[in-house]
Structure formats: structure tokens, C-alpha cells
Amino acid sequence: MHYTTSERITVGVVYGDQGRMRPEWFVWEGREYRVASINHIWHDTAGRETLIFFSVSDKIDTYLLCYHTIQLQWTLCGVDMEG
């Protein structure tokens, strides 16, 4: 089942080489999800703002996280749930 949303979330991030960010966990609707893998990363723009998208998995489902570089906020844009 695919679920589309635009909900603000809290994300735990580790910064690596050259300032690259890697989401490690996020909280959605009061529940913490651990990121098991990052499937894909891409950038897009919305006006002056750069959006960084992360397709991540928790070993079961896939989530689309978005970082807003001007607002300095994270949103959950979509979920692909198994079953």
C-alpha cells in the first residue's frame, strides 16, 4: 500500500565526509523508526529552496524523507508499506 503525506517529522542525522548527511532514525506519529538502508538520494528545488530526498527502508517498509534546506525541517512525503 502506498501512502502519500507531507507531515513534519523529527530525524536523527549523522554527518559524514564533506558534510554529507545520513538519516539514522525518525519519529512519525509518536513511533521511532530505525533506518536500515538508504535506497536513493536526490535533490530538487522549490523556488529558492533546495529539497534533499532520501528513500529509506526499515527492513520492512520504504519511506520518503525530505529535508528542506531553508526551513531546516524534515517531512515525511510518502510510505510504501508491505502487505
Protein backbone atom coordinates (compact mmCIF):
# COMPACT_ATOMS: atom_id res chain seq x y z
CA MET A 1 0.00 0.00 0.00
CA HIS A 2 1.32 3.45 -0.91
CA TYR A 3 0.62 6.35 1.44
CA THR A 4 1.37 9.97 0.42
CA THR A 5 1.69 12.70 3.03
CA SER A 6 3.57 15.86 3.93
CA GLU A 7 3.96 15.54 7.70
CA ARG A 8 6.70 17.17 9.75
CA ILE A 9 8.91 14.61 11.45
CA THR A 10 11.95 14.53 13.73
CA VAL A 11 15.03 12.91 12.20
CA GLY A 12 18.31 11.82 13.79
CA VAL A 13 21.15 12.55 11.37
CA VAL A 14 24.83 11.64 11.25
CA TYR A 15 27.11 13.95 9.24
CA GLY A 16 29.96 12.27 7.38
CA ASP A 17 32.59 13.19 4.84
CA GLN A 18 32.14 16.57 3.15
CA GLY A 19 29.11 17.32 5.34
CA ARG A 20 27.00 14.56 3.80
CA MET A 21 24.03 13.73 5.98
CA ARG A 22 22.72 10.28 6.70
CA PRO A 23 19.37 9.82 8.46
CA GLU A 24 19.69 7.12 11.14
CA TRP A 25 16.18 7.22 12.64
CA PHE A 26 12.98 9.26 12.51
CA VAL A 27 9.87 9.73 14.63
CA TRP A 28 6.49 9.61 12.93
CA GLU A 29 3.20 9.69 14.81
CA GLY A 30 5.00 9.11 18.11
CA ARG A 31 6.86 5.99 16.95
CA GLU A 32 10.58 5.75 16.27
CA TYR A 33 11.72 4.05 13.06
CA ARG A 34 15.33 2.91 12.57
CA VAL A 35 16.78 3.38 9.08
CA ALA A 36 18.26 0.06 7.97
CA SER A 37 19.25 1.24 4.48
CA ILE A 38 19.28 4.29 2.25
CA ASN A 39 17.98 3.28 -1.15
CA HIS A 40 18.40 6.53 -3.07
CA ILE A 41 19.20 10.23 -2.54
CA TRP A 42 18.33 13.10 -4.88
CA HIS A 43 17.91 16.87 -4.89
CA ASP A 44 15.13 19.08 -6.24
CA THR A 45 14.16 22.72 -5.89
CA ALA A 46 11.03 24.54 -4.77
CA GLY A 47 11.54 28.21 -5.52
CA ARG A 48 14.78 29.24 -3.79
CA GLU A 49 14.84 26.19 -1.54
CA THR A 50 16.76 23.01 -2.23
CA LEU A 51 14.99 19.84 -1.15
CA ILE A 52 17.03 16.72 -0.38
CA PHE A 53 15.07 13.50 -0.70
CA PHE A 54 16.04 10.22 0.96
CA SER A 55 14.34 6.94 0.09
CA VAL A 56 14.99 4.80 3.18
CA SER A 57 13.92 1.39 4.46
CA ASP A 58 13.49 -0.13 7.92
CA LYS A 59 13.83 -3.74 6.64
CA ILE A 60 10.06 -3.92 6.05
CA ASP A 61 8.68 -0.69 4.58
CA THR A 62 10.11 2.14 2.46
CA TYR A 63 9.80 5.81 3.45
CA LEU A 64 10.44 9.02 1.54
CA LEU A 65 12.04 11.65 3.78
CA CYS A 66 12.61 15.23 2.63
CA TYR A 67 14.97 17.82 4.12
CA HIS A 68 14.09 21.47 3.45
CA THR A 69 17.37 23.41 3.36
CA ILE A 70 15.97 26.90 4.03
CA GLN A 71 13.30 25.92 6.55
CA LEU A 72 15.72 23.43 8.19
CA GLN A 73 12.84 20.99 8.57
CA TRP A 74 12.15 17.37 7.72
CA THR A 75 8.94 16.00 6.27
CA LEU A 76 7.71 12.51 5.51
CA CYS A 77 6.49 12.59 1.91
CA GLY A 78 5.42 9.01 1.39
CA VAL A 79 5.37 5.44 2.65
CA ASP A 80 5.29 2.14 0.75
CA MET A 81 4.01 -0.49 3.16
CA GLU A 82 4.37 -4.23 2.66
CA GLY A 83 1.28 -6.37 2.97
